[in-house]
Amino acid sequence: MAANIYDTELPKTRANHVQLTPISFIERAAMVHPGHTAVVHGKVRRNWGETFERVRAMASALAKRGIGPGKTVSAILANTPEMFELHFAVPMTGGVLNTINTRLDAATIGFILNHAESDILMVDPEFAETAKGALEASGRDLLVVDVPDAMYEGESVAVGALTYDELLAEGDPLDDYRKPQDEWDAISLNYTSGTTGDPKGVVYHHRGAYLNALSNAHDWGIAPHPVYLWTLPMFHCNGWCYPWTLAALAGTAVCLRAVREKPILDLMRAEGVTHFCGAPIVLNTLASAPDELKQGLPSPMHAMTAAAPPPAAIISRVEAMGITVTHAYGLTETYGPAVVCAWKFEWDDLPADERAAKKARQGVRYTVLDDLMVADPETLEPVPADGETIGEIFMRGNNVMRGYLKNPEANAKAFRGGWFASGDLAVMHEDRYIEIKDRSKDIIISGGENISSIEIEDVLYRHPKIAEAAVVARPDEKWGETPCAFVVLRKGETMTEEEVIAFCKENMARFKAPKTVIFDDLPKTSTGKIQKYVLRKKAEDLSNT
């Protein structure tokens, strides 16, 4: 093809084309707002100038220890300033940051250390014993660094060769650091939960991290200098890319070791929190807190919820506290949120329950996501936008992972026809907003009818006596499967199985109502997701007895 006039003598140069990387965000924050508070954790308060100096010193120290392109720094850390710093320091070496779920068992972490070919492991004292077991399980020889935390109230056991501060002292903040030669270079490695086998390693690149961090700010409408409370684990999809978003906005990261109602609400008041993120369980924790703990909260305050579809009833209760809820959707494979329930002005005057129902939908694509569709998983033919026809969610764009590390079989399954297949089932509404109906493995097929477990859960959450609920399929000789509900009641309340089933039949198609109700605690992951595979096993065991 012949060159056109715009391709003539207009080359890319270092002046007009640079590789995108979130490292540039902390450079700007430190230059423009050096005195603005960057990190708060107990008595620790550091501004952006001090944080940038520490990050550069750590990058220098890591580089002297051999970290560079192709090298991995793993971390088993709580939400501490050091975890925040590593999101910049490791990429500045050209290395890859691997933040590990702190609730994983030693054997699984051992697998991750080997699979990621980790070179350095950072360890919080709370997880020292697990780390020791993981190191033994892996048999891997790597440098272990202890990361003490004055806010940790338990016993601190050293497992490393040196501490974070000792390693930091080895670095020079004036040393040069790297930016990626190619924005496609890996920046981080995040492992999926691995509930049906070994966890898969999801590889992010600098371009995707940069773009999703900016889209977080744009699509949530965050003004400069937000005060962000870390109710979301930073190990989860790199905190949905919010460490990099906070640098782009020169915001304040308020660290939090454990998600409990009193520390959360106390920090909200003390620090004037404006934003926080978390799974619906975080919202439910706040909504269920005693009224005396909810007094005097800052306003305005905004919550972004994702990880599991939030019941409309929980959204209503949280918004009654003066917290505006935004619903987002994504996966580890999409850098966290990639779809958002973008609010429309015409919905402002709807009744509260109708507004909450709108917010419970997953929504439309992030600004930086190139395309989103709900389609037949076999033919990739889009389903009609009728709000009823169920298909699988497919996405493509710069905020989709590079792929699964050393796993070509999983990559072939995930990437099909130029799309990433999510494994989530949804409908497309007439206004082009999607609404999840289930994970493909969670849909209940009863007598040939597809029943959404999420639809049943949404009804259960409307009952004033029910605090938590989850629904799975129970094997049935006649129907194939029937809905089985696991219910947690509010403190001091009582209900019978018959009452729960009757309530569901009154509020939805009768055939969709659960046939079995079990009153029991719900097993959860560290990010608040209910472990439905555990509940499915319990339901299966019931049918076998």
Protein backbone atom coordinates (compact mmCIF):
# COMPACT_ATOMS: atom_id res chain seq x y z
CA MET A 1 0.00 0.00 0.00
CA ALA A 2 1.37 3.38 -1.02
CA ALA A 3 2.17 5.83 1.74
CA ASN A 4 -0.28 8.72 2.11
CA ILE A 5 0.66 12.31 2.83
CA TYR A 6 0.35 11.79 6.61
CA ASP A 7 2.91 8.98 6.55
CA THR A 8 5.55 11.09 4.85
CA GLU A 9 8.33 12.64 6.92
CA LEU A 10 6.27 12.42 10.12
CA PRO A 11 8.09 9.67 12.02
CA LYS A 12 7.73 8.56 15.61
CA THR A 13 10.46 10.08 17.76
CA ARG A 14 11.25 10.23 21.44
CA ALA A 15 9.67 13.68 21.41
CA ASN A 16 6.24 12.58 20.22
CA HIS A 17 5.88 8.89 21.10
CA VAL A 18 6.61 7.35 24.49
CA GLN A 19 5.68 4.03 26.03
CA LEU A 20 2.75 4.26 28.45
CA THR A 21 3.54 3.32 32.04
CA PRO A 22 2.02 4.21 35.44
CA ILE A 23 5.53 5.07 36.63
CA SER A 24 4.88 8.46 35.03
CA PHE A 25 2.03 9.08 37.47
CA ILE A 26 4.19 9.01 40.59
CA GLU A 27 6.82 11.16 38.86
CA ARG A 28 4.19 13.84 38.27
CA ALA A 29 2.63 13.54 41.73
CA ALA A 30 6.04 14.05 43.35
CA MET A 31 6.89 16.98 41.09
CA VAL A 32 3.57 18.85 41.24
CA HIS A 33 2.30 17.91 44.72
CA PRO A 34 5.36 16.88 46.74
CA GLY A 35 3.90 18.12 50.04
CA HIS A 36 0.48 16.51 49.64
CA THR A 37 -0.17 13.47 51.85
CA ALA A 38 0.30 10.25 49.90
CA VAL A 39 0.09 7.51 52.54
CA VAL A 40 -1.49 7.23 56.00
CA HIS A 41 -1.01 4.20 58.25
CA GLY A 42 -1.28 4.60 62.02
CA LYS A 43 1.41 7.10 63.00
CA VAL A 44 2.97 6.95 59.51
CA ARG A 45 2.14 9.93 57.30
CA ARG A 46 4.23 10.49 54.18
CA ASN A 47 3.79 12.97 51.36
CA TRP A 48 4.33 12.31 47.67
CA GLY A 49 7.86 13.70 47.71
CA GLU A 50 8.89 11.34 50.52
CA THR A 51 7.07 8.39 48.94
CA PHE A 52 8.76 8.94 45.57
CA GLU A 53 12.17 9.08 47.28
CA ARG A 54 11.49 5.78 49.09
CA VAL A 55 10.22 4.16 45.88
CA ARG A 56 13.35 5.20 43.99
CA ALA A 57 15.58 3.93 46.80
CA MET A 58 13.77 0.58 46.83
CA ALA A 59 14.01 0.29 43.04
CA SER A 60 17.75 0.93 43.34
CA ALA A 61 18.11 -1.69 46.07
CA LEU A 62 16.13 -4.28 44.12
CA ALA A 63 18.19 -3.64 41.00
CA LYS A 64 21.40 -4.15 43.00
CA ARG A 65 19.95 -7.47 44.14
CA GLY A 66 19.48 -8.54 40.52
CA ILE A 67 15.87 -7.60 39.87
CA GLY A 68 15.26 -6.52 36.29
CA PRO A 69 13.36 -7.63 33.17
CA GLY A 70 12.12 -11.19 33.46
CA LYS A 71 12.53 -11.23 37.26
CA THR A 72 9.68 -11.58 39.76
CA VAL A 73 9.22 -10.02 43.20
CA SER A 74 6.46 -11.77 45.16
CA ALA A 75 4.72 -10.26 48.17
CA ILE A 76 2.53 -11.72 50.92
CA LEU A 77 1.56 -8.42 52.50
CA ALA A 78 -1.37 -6.67 54.11
CA ASN A 79 -2.49 -3.22 52.94
CA THR A 80 0.55 -1.34 54.21
CA PRO A 81 2.63 1.56 52.86
CA GLU A 82 5.30 -0.92 51.75
CA MET A 83 2.78 -2.81 49.61
CA PHE A 84 1.77 0.51 48.05
CA GLU A 85 5.41 1.45 47.35
CA LEU A 86 6.19 -1.88 45.67
CA HIS A 87 3.60 -1.13 42.99
CA PHE A 88 6.02 1.51 41.71
CA ALA A 89 9.44 0.29 42.87
CA VAL A 90 9.32 -3.14 41.20
CA PRO A 91 8.19 -1.83 37.78
CA MET A 92 10.99 0.79 37.99
CA THR A 93 13.50 -2.07 37.79
CA GLY A 94 11.82 -3.62 34.76
CA GLY A 95 10.79 -6.49 37.04
CA VAL A 96 7.32 -7.91 37.66
CA LEU A 97 5.33 -7.56 40.90
CA ASN A 98 3.46 -10.66 42.07
CA THR A 99 1.07 -9.85 44.93
CA ILE A 100 -0.20 -13.04 46.58
CA ASN A 101 -3.59 -13.65 48.19
CA THR A 102 -2.86 -13.69 51.93
CA ARG A 103 -5.49 -16.34 52.64
CA LEU A 104 -4.00 -19.01 50.43
CA ASP A 105 -2.54 -22.11 52.03
CA ALA A 106 1.20 -22.81 52.08
CA ALA A 107 1.05 -25.46 49.34
CA THR A 108 -0.74 -23.13 46.90
CA ILE A 109 1.67 -20.27 47.63
CA GLY A 110 4.54 -22.70 47.15
CA PHE A 111 3.13 -23.54 43.71
CA ILE A 112 2.90 -19.83 42.87
CA LEU A 113 6.50 -19.14 43.92
CA ASN A 114 7.71 -21.90 41.63
CA HIS A 115 5.40 -21.11 38.73
CA ALA A 116 6.27 -17.39 38.88
CA GLU A 117 9.98 -18.26 39.27
CA SER A 118 10.09 -15.76 42.11
CA ASP A 119 13.44 -14.18 42.98
CA ILE A 120 12.45 -12.21 46.11
CA LEU A 121 9.61 -12.75 48.58
CA MET A 122 8.34 -9.92 50.82
CA VAL A 123 6.57 -11.21 53.96
CA ASP A 124 4.26 -9.52 56.47
CA PRO A 125 4.63 -10.87 60.05
CA GLU A 126 0.98 -11.96 60.12
CA PHE A 127 1.69 -14.45 57.34
CA ALA A 128 5.18 -15.55 58.39
CA GLU A 129 4.25 -19.12 59.30
CA THR A 130 2.39 -19.63 56.02
CA ALA A 131 5.35 -18.17 54.15
CA LYS A 132 7.72 -20.60 55.86
CA GLY A 133 5.52 -23.49 54.82
CA ALA A 134 5.31 -22.16 51.27
CA LEU A 135 9.08 -21.84 51.00
CA GLU A 136 9.50 -25.42 52.19
CA ALA A 137 6.83 -26.62 49.76
CA SER A 138 8.47 -24.80 46.85
CA GLY A 139 12.03 -25.86 47.62
CA ARG A 140 12.98 -22.61 45.92
CA ASP A 141 16.10 -20.67 46.96
CA LEU A 142 15.16 -16.99 47.02
CA LEU A 143 15.77 -13.87 49.08
CA VAL A 144 13.13 -13.42 51.79
CA VAL A 145 12.50 -9.93 53.18
CA ASP A 146 10.54 -9.28 56.38
CA VAL A 147 8.17 -6.30 56.28
CA PRO A 148 7.38 -5.37 59.92
CA ASP A 149 4.28 -3.32 60.66
CA ALA A 150 3.70 -1.39 63.88
CA MET A 151 -0.06 -1.76 63.35
CA TYR A 152 0.16 -5.55 63.54
CA GLU A 153 -0.88 -6.60 67.04
CA GLY A 154 0.30 -10.22 66.93
CA GLU A 155 3.69 -11.77 67.52
CA SER A 156 6.30 -10.89 64.89
CA VAL A 157 8.42 -13.82 63.75
CA ALA A 158 11.36 -13.12 61.44
CA VAL A 159 11.63 -15.45 58.44
CA GLY A 160 13.78 -13.30 56.16
CA ALA A 161 17.44 -12.54 55.73
CA LEU A 162 16.79 -8.81 56.25
CA THR A 163 13.97 -6.32 56.73
CA TYR A 164 12.33 -4.02 54.22
CA ASP A 165 14.00 -0.96 55.76
CA GLU A 166 17.41 -2.68 55.69
CA LEU A 167 16.92 -3.45 52.00
CA LEU A 168 15.73 0.11 51.42
CA ALA A 169 18.97 1.41 52.99
CA GLU A 170 20.95 -0.46 50.33
CA GLY A 171 19.41 1.71 47.61
CA ASP A 172 20.16 5.22 46.42
CA PRO A 173 17.15 7.43 45.57
CA LEU A 174 19.34 9.32 43.08
CA ASP A 175 20.06 6.20 41.00
CA ASP A 176 18.52 6.03 37.55
CA TYR A 177 15.52 3.75 37.15
CA ARG A 178 13.97 2.04 34.16
CA LYS A 179 10.85 2.71 32.19
CA PRO A 180 9.65 0.02 29.81
CA GLN A 181 11.21 -0.11 26.37
CA ASP A 182 7.89 -1.52 25.24
CA GLU A 183 4.58 -0.78 27.00
CA TRP A 184 3.63 -4.41 26.28
CA ASP A 185 6.28 -5.41 28.87
CA ALA A 186 4.89 -7.23 31.90
CA ILE A 187 4.28 -5.06 34.99
CA SER A 188 2.53 -7.50 37.33
CA LEU A 189 1.44 -11.11 37.78
CA ASN A 190 -1.82 -11.98 39.55
CA TYR A 191 -3.05 -15.49 40.24
CA THR A 192 -6.66 -16.59 39.94
CA SER A 193 -8.27 -18.43 42.84
CA GLY A 194 -7.62 -21.89 41.46
CA THR A 195 -10.78 -23.45 42.92
CA THR A 196 -10.84 -26.16 40.23
CA GLY A 197 -7.10 -26.79 39.89
CA ASP A 198 -3.82 -24.96 40.08
CA PRO A 199 -4.21 -21.17 40.00
CA LYS A 200 -3.51 -19.45 36.69
CA GLY A 201 -1.01 -16.60 36.46
CA VAL A 202 -2.54 -13.52 34.80
CA VAL A 203 0.04 -11.21 33.22
CA TYR A 204 -0.60 -7.44 33.06
CA HIS A 205 1.33 -5.01 30.88
CA HIS A 206 2.32 -1.37 31.47
CA ARG A 207 -0.10 -0.07 28.83
CA GLY A 208 -3.10 -1.80 30.38
CA ALA A 209 -2.17 -0.71 33.91
CA TYR A 210 -1.76 2.90 32.75
CA LEU A 211 -5.05 3.00 30.87
CA ASN A 212 -7.17 1.20 33.45
CA ALA A 213 -5.80 3.44 36.21
CA LEU A 214 -6.94 6.50 34.27
CA SER A 215 -10.27 4.90 33.42
CA ASN A 216 -10.87 4.28 37.14
CA ALA A 217 -10.65 8.02 37.69
CA HIS A 218 -12.61 9.02 34.61
CA ASP A 219 -15.44 6.48 34.85
CA TRP A 220 -15.94 7.03 38.58
CA GLY A 221 -15.65 10.80 38.21
CA ILE A 222 -12.94 11.16 40.86
CA ALA A 223 -11.62 14.69 41.36
CA PRO A 224 -7.92 15.31 42.17
CA HIS A 225 -6.71 14.53 45.71
CA PRO A 226 -9.22 11.87 46.77
CA VAL A 227 -8.85 10.30 50.22
CA TYR A 228 -9.07 6.59 49.47
CA LEU A 229 -9.55 3.93 52.15
CA TRP A 230 -8.00 0.54 51.40
CA THR A 231 -10.96 -1.73 52.20
CA LEU A 232 -9.99 -3.64 49.05
CA PRO A 233 -6.90 -5.90 49.28
CA MET A 234 -4.01 -4.55 47.23
CA PHE A 235 -3.18 -8.14 46.30
CA HIS A 236 -6.48 -8.38 44.40
CA CYS A 237 -5.85 -7.34 40.76
CA ASN A 238 -3.26 -4.89 42.12
CA GLY A 239 -6.05 -3.27 44.11
CA TRP A 240 -8.06 -2.88 40.87
CA CYS A 241 -5.17 -0.63 39.68
CA TYR A 242 -6.00 2.00 42.34
CA PRO A 243 -2.40 2.41 43.59
CA TRP A 244 -1.66 3.83 40.14
CA THR A 245 -4.94 5.79 40.03
CA LEU A 246 -4.07 7.48 43.35
CA ALA A 247 -0.69 8.52 41.97
CA ALA A 248 -2.34 9.93 38.83
CA LEU A 249 -4.66 12.01 41.05
CA ALA A 250 -2.11 12.77 43.79
CA GLY A 251 -4.57 11.27 46.24
CA THR A 252 -4.13 9.89 49.74
CA ALA A 253 -3.94 6.15 50.42
CA VAL A 254 -5.36 5.37 53.87
CA CYS A 255 -4.08 1.89 54.70
CA LEU A 256 -6.14 -0.70 56.57
CA ARG A 257 -4.95 -4.11 57.77
CA ALA A 258 -8.31 -5.80 58.32
CA VAL A 259 -11.85 -5.14 57.11
CA ARG A 260 -13.87 -4.68 60.29
CA GLU A 261 -16.75 -2.29 60.80
CA LYS A 262 -15.31 -0.15 63.64
CA PRO A 263 -11.82 0.50 62.16
CA ILE A 264 -13.41 1.30 58.79
CA LEU A 265 -15.94 3.77 60.17
CA ASP A 266 -13.40 5.32 62.56
CA LEU A 267 -10.92 5.93 59.72
CA MET A 268 -13.64 7.35 57.51
CA ARG A 269 -14.34 10.01 60.13
CA ALA A 270 -10.72 10.65 61.18
CA GLU A 271 -9.27 10.99 57.66
CA GLY A 272 -12.26 12.41 55.79
CA VAL A 273 -12.44 9.47 53.41
CA THR A 274 -14.02 10.26 50.04
CA HIS A 275 -13.75 6.90 48.23
CA PHE A 276 -13.43 3.19 48.95
CA CYS A 277 -13.86 -0.07 47.05
CA GLY A 278 -14.85 -3.61 47.92
CA ALA A 279 -17.01 -6.64 47.33
CA PRO A 280 -20.68 -6.47 48.37
CA ILE A 281 -19.71 -8.11 51.68
CA VAL A 282 -17.90 -4.86 52.59
CA LEU A 283 -21.08 -2.89 51.93
CA ASN A 284 -23.09 -5.41 53.91
CA THR A 285 -20.64 -5.09 56.83
CA LEU A 286 -21.19 -1.33 56.93
CA ALA A 287 -24.96 -1.55 56.50
CA SER A 288 -25.17 -4.07 59.35
CA ALA A 289 -23.02 -2.02 61.77
CA PRO A 290 -24.67 -0.62 64.91
CA ASP A 291 -26.26 2.78 64.32
CA GLU A 292 -24.00 4.48 66.88
CA LEU A 293 -20.93 3.61 64.77
CA LYS A 294 -22.41 5.24 61.67
CA GLN A 295 -22.79 8.73 63.09
CA GLY A 296 -20.82 11.68 61.73
CA LEU A 297 -19.54 10.08 58.52
CA PRO A 298 -17.96 12.44 55.99
CA SER A 299 -20.01 13.58 53.03
CA PRO A 300 -19.89 13.13 50.13
CA MET A 301 -18.48 9.60 50.19
CA HIS A 302 -18.42 7.15 47.30
CA ALA A 303 -18.18 3.35 47.19
CA MET A 304 -17.34 1.20 44.18
CA THR A 305 -18.46 -2.40 44.52
CA ALA A 306 -17.59 -5.35 42.30
CA ALA A 307 -16.34 -8.96 42.54
CA ALA A 308 -19.89 -10.33 42.93
CA PRO A 309 -23.27 -8.93 41.86
CA PRO A 310 -24.57 -6.78 44.76
CA PRO A 311 -28.18 -7.31 45.84
CA ALA A 312 -30.26 -4.18 45.28
CA ALA A 313 -31.36 -4.28 48.94
CA ILE A 314 -27.76 -3.87 50.16
CA ILE A 315 -27.21 -0.94 47.81
CA SER A 316 -30.33 0.74 49.21
CA ARG A 317 -29.18 0.30 52.82
CA VAL A 318 -25.69 1.68 52.13
CA GLU A 319 -27.02 4.67 50.21
CA ALA A 320 -29.31 5.38 53.16
CA MET A 321 -26.06 5.98 55.12
CA GLY A 322 -25.19 8.79 52.70
CA ILE A 323 -22.71 6.72 50.65
CA THR A 324 -23.17 6.82 46.87
CA VAL A 325 -22.63 3.38 45.38
CA THR A 326 -21.21 2.72 41.91
CA HIS A 327 -21.36 -0.84 40.61
CA ALA A 328 -18.52 -2.12 38.44
CA TYR A 329 -17.66 -5.50 36.96
CA GLY A 330 -14.49 -7.15 35.82
CA LEU A 331 -12.15 -10.06 36.36
CA THR A 332 -8.54 -10.63 37.31
CA GLU A 333 -8.01 -11.00 33.56
CA THR A 334 -9.25 -7.43 32.92
CA TYR A 335 -7.15 -5.53 35.51
CA GLY A 336 -10.16 -5.48 37.82
CA PRO A 337 -13.10 -3.25 36.80
CA ALA A 338 -13.68 -3.03 33.05
CA VAL A 339 -17.46 -2.46 33.03
CA VAL A 340 -19.32 0.18 35.05
CA CYS A 341 -22.95 0.98 35.71
CA ALA A 342 -22.66 4.52 34.35
CA TRP A 343 -25.35 6.61 35.99
CA LYS A 344 -27.87 8.56 33.92
CA PHE A 345 -29.46 11.79 35.10
CA GLU A 346 -32.95 10.59 34.13
CA TRP A 347 -32.68 7.91 36.83
CA ASP A 348 -32.29 10.48 39.63
CA ASP A 349 -36.01 10.80 40.24
CA LEU A 350 -36.80 7.10 40.30
CA PRO A 351 -38.03 5.60 43.60
CA ALA A 352 -35.17 4.34 45.82
CA ASP A 353 -35.81 0.66 45.09
CA GLU A 354 -35.86 1.26 41.32
CA ARG A 355 -32.62 3.29 41.51
CA ALA A 356 -31.00 0.45 43.45
CA ALA A 357 -32.20 -2.07 40.84
CA LYS A 358 -30.58 0.05 38.11
CA LYS A 359 -27.34 0.19 40.10
CA ALA A 360 -27.35 -3.58 40.59
CA ARG A 361 -26.78 -4.03 36.85
CA GLN A 362 -23.17 -4.40 35.72
CA GLY A 363 -23.46 -1.69 33.07
CA VAL A 364 -21.45 -0.59 30.05
CA ARG A 365 -17.81 -0.82 29.02
CA TYR A 366 -15.10 1.25 30.69
CA THR A 367 -13.91 4.13 28.54
CA VAL A 368 -10.69 2.25 27.75
CA LEU A 369 -12.36 -1.11 27.02
CA ASP A 370 -12.66 -1.34 23.26
CA ASP A 371 -15.74 -3.54 23.04
CA LEU A 372 -18.19 -5.56 25.11
CA MET A 373 -20.82 -8.06 24.03
CA VAL A 374 -23.12 -10.78 25.32
CA ALA A 375 -23.11 -13.65 22.85
CA ASP A 376 -23.67 -17.33 22.23
CA PRO A 377 -20.51 -18.99 23.59
CA GLU A 378 -20.32 -21.40 20.64
CA THR A 379 -21.10 -19.18 17.66
CA LEU A 380 -20.09 -15.77 19.14
CA GLU A 381 -23.35 -14.43 17.76
CA PRO A 382 -24.58 -11.51 19.95
CA VAL A 383 -27.83 -12.15 21.81
CA PRO A 384 -30.77 -9.78 21.28
CA ALA A 385 -30.88 -6.77 23.61
CA ASP A 386 -34.10 -7.91 25.22
CA GLY A 387 -33.04 -8.27 28.87
CA GLU A 388 -34.02 -11.94 28.76
CA THR A 389 -31.78 -13.96 26.43
CA ILE A 390 -28.77 -15.28 28.32
CA GLY A 391 -25.33 -15.42 26.74
CA GLU A 392 -21.68 -15.21 27.78
CA ILE A 393 -19.89 -11.91 28.35
CA PHE A 394 -17.04 -11.25 25.90
CA MET A 395 -14.58 -8.34 26.03
CA ARG A 396 -11.65 -6.94 24.12
CA GLY A 397 -9.36 -3.99 24.63
CA ASN A 398 -6.07 -2.77 26.06
CA ASN A 399 -7.21 -3.61 29.59
CA VAL A 400 -7.44 -7.32 28.85
CA MET A 401 -4.49 -9.40 30.12
CA ARG A 402 -1.58 -10.45 27.97
CA GLY A 403 -2.54 -13.99 28.87
CA TYR A 404 -1.96 -16.77 31.38
CA LEU A 405 1.70 -17.38 32.20
CA LYS A 406 3.05 -20.66 30.78
CA ASN A 407 -0.47 -21.95 30.05
CA PRO A 408 -1.19 -22.15 26.29
CA GLU A 409 -4.19 -24.44 26.80
CA ALA A 410 -5.93 -21.91 29.07
CA ASN A 411 -5.06 -19.08 26.67
CA ALA A 412 -6.60 -20.95 23.73
CA LYS A 413 -9.81 -21.38 25.72
CA ALA A 414 -9.89 -17.77 26.96
CA PHE A 415 -9.14 -16.02 23.65
CA ARG A 416 -11.57 -16.90 20.88
CA GLY A 417 -12.37 -15.11 17.65
CA GLY A 418 -10.63 -11.93 18.74
CA TRP A 419 -12.48 -11.83 22.08
CA PHE A 420 -11.76 -12.69 25.71
CA ALA A 421 -14.36 -15.11 27.05
CA SER A 422 -15.30 -14.24 30.64
CA GLY A 423 -17.21 -17.38 31.63
CA ASP A 424 -19.95 -15.14 33.08
CA LEU A 425 -23.54 -15.39 31.85
CA ALA A 426 -25.59 -12.24 31.36
CA VAL A 427 -28.37 -10.54 29.45
CA MET A 428 -28.13 -7.38 27.36
CA HIS A 429 -30.81 -4.82 28.14
CA GLU A 430 -32.37 -2.57 25.54
CA ASP A 431 -30.23 0.37 26.72
CA ARG A 432 -27.09 -1.80 26.13
CA TYR A 433 -26.40 -2.25 29.85
CA ILE A 434 -25.47 -5.82 30.71
CA GLU A 435 -26.70 -7.69 33.79
CA ILE A 436 -25.03 -10.84 35.05
CA LYS A 437 -27.29 -13.80 35.64
CA ASP A 438 -24.61 -16.27 36.77
CA ARG A 439 -21.22 -17.80 36.29
CA SER A 440 -21.57 -20.51 33.65
CA LYS A 441 -20.95 -23.13 36.34
CA ASP A 442 -23.49 -21.57 38.73
CA ILE A 443 -26.56 -21.54 36.51
CA ILE A 444 -29.19 -24.00 37.81
CA ILE A 445 -30.91 -26.18 35.19
CA SER A 446 -34.08 -27.55 36.74
CA GLY A 447 -36.48 -29.58 34.59
CA GLY A 448 -34.94 -28.01 31.49
CA GLU A 449 -35.42 -24.45 32.79
CA ASN A 450 -32.44 -22.16 33.41
CA ILE A 451 -32.68 -20.58 36.87
CA SER A 452 -30.34 -17.76 37.90
CA SER A 453 -28.93 -18.21 41.38
CA ILE A 454 -28.32 -14.44 41.49
CA GLU A 455 -32.01 -13.71 40.89
CA ILE A 456 -32.96 -15.88 43.87
CA GLU A 457 -30.24 -14.29 46.04
CA ASP A 458 -31.53 -10.84 45.17
CA VAL A 459 -35.00 -11.80 46.44
CA LEU A 460 -33.58 -13.35 49.63
CA TYR A 461 -31.65 -10.16 50.45
CA ARG A 462 -34.90 -8.20 50.41
CA HIS A 463 -36.12 -10.01 53.52
CA PRO A 464 -35.42 -7.87 56.60
CA LYS A 465 -34.38 -10.89 58.69
CA ILE A 466 -31.76 -12.16 56.19
CA ALA A 467 -28.19 -10.83 56.42
CA GLU A 468 -26.49 -12.99 53.79
CA ALA A 469 -27.55 -15.55 51.21
CA ALA A 470 -26.11 -17.76 48.50
CA VAL A 471 -27.83 -20.18 46.16
CA VAL A 472 -26.36 -23.21 44.38
CA ALA A 473 -27.66 -26.23 42.49
CA ARG A 474 -28.54 -29.37 44.44
CA PRO A 475 -28.65 -32.62 42.44
CA ASP A 476 -32.19 -34.02 42.15
CA GLU A 477 -33.30 -37.33 40.64
CA LYS A 478 -36.53 -35.91 39.21
CA TRP A 479 -35.56 -32.38 38.17
CA GLY A 480 -31.83 -32.86 37.54
CA GLU A 481 -31.08 -29.88 39.79
CA THR A 482 -33.04 -27.72 42.21
CA PRO A 483 -32.10 -24.44 43.91
CA CYS A 484 -30.56 -24.82 47.36
CA ALA A 485 -30.30 -21.64 49.47
CA PHE A 486 -27.73 -21.08 52.22
CA VAL A 487 -28.94 -18.32 54.54
CA VAL A 488 -27.40 -16.30 57.38
CA LEU A 489 -29.95 -14.52 59.56
CA ARG A 490 -29.47 -11.17 61.23
CA LYS A 491 -28.47 -11.32 64.87
CA GLY A 492 -31.39 -12.30 67.10
CA GLU A 493 -33.72 -13.24 64.22
CA THR A 494 -35.35 -16.62 63.58
CA MET A 495 -36.94 -18.12 60.46
CA THR A 496 -37.95 -21.55 59.25
CA GLU A 497 -37.17 -23.15 55.91
CA GLU A 498 -40.86 -22.94 55.01
CA GLU A 499 -40.95 -19.20 55.69
CA VAL A 500 -37.95 -18.56 53.44
CA ILE A 501 -39.39 -20.61 50.59
CA ALA A 502 -42.79 -18.95 50.94
CA PHE A 503 -41.19 -15.47 50.79
CA CYS A 504 -39.38 -16.40 47.57
CA LYS A 505 -42.56 -17.77 45.97
CA GLU A 506 -44.33 -14.50 46.77
CA ASN A 507 -41.62 -12.42 45.08
CA MET A 508 -40.62 -14.40 41.99
CA ALA A 509 -41.82 -17.15 39.65
CA ARG A 510 -42.72 -20.04 41.93
CA PHE A 511 -40.69 -22.62 40.00
CA LYS A 512 -37.52 -20.59 40.67
CA ALA A 513 -37.93 -20.62 44.46
CA PRO A 514 -35.42 -22.73 46.43
CA LYS A 515 -36.52 -26.25 47.30
CA THR A 516 -34.00 -26.47 50.16
CA VAL A 517 -32.87 -23.88 52.74
CA ILE A 518 -29.83 -24.36 54.97
CA PHE A 519 -29.05 -21.95 57.80
CA ASP A 520 -25.25 -21.83 57.93
CA ASP A 521 -22.27 -19.46 57.71
CA LEU A 522 -21.05 -18.71 54.20
CA PRO A 523 -17.42 -19.56 53.36
CA LYS A 524 -15.67 -16.63 51.68
CA THR A 525 -12.42 -15.76 49.98
CA SER A 526 -10.24 -12.92 51.29
CA THR A 527 -11.87 -10.57 48.78
CA GLY A 528 -15.37 -11.35 50.06
CA LYS A 529 -16.46 -13.69 47.30
CA ILE A 530 -18.62 -16.52 48.53
CA GLN A 531 -16.98 -19.87 47.80
CA LYS A 532 -19.83 -21.50 45.97
CA TYR A 533 -17.81 -24.59 45.18
CA VAL A 534 -17.81 -25.35 48.93
CA LEU A 535 -21.58 -24.85 49.07
CA ARG A 536 -22.11 -27.01 45.98
CA LYS A 537 -20.24 -29.82 47.73
CA LYS A 538 -22.47 -29.43 50.81
CA ALA A 539 -25.59 -29.51 48.64
CA GLU A 540 -24.31 -32.56 46.79
CA ASP A 541 -23.59 -34.32 50.09
CA LEU A 542 -27.18 -33.63 51.18
CA SER A 543 -28.47 -35.43 48.10
CA ASN A 544 -26.20 -38.39 48.74
CA THR A 545 -27.40 -38.97 52.31
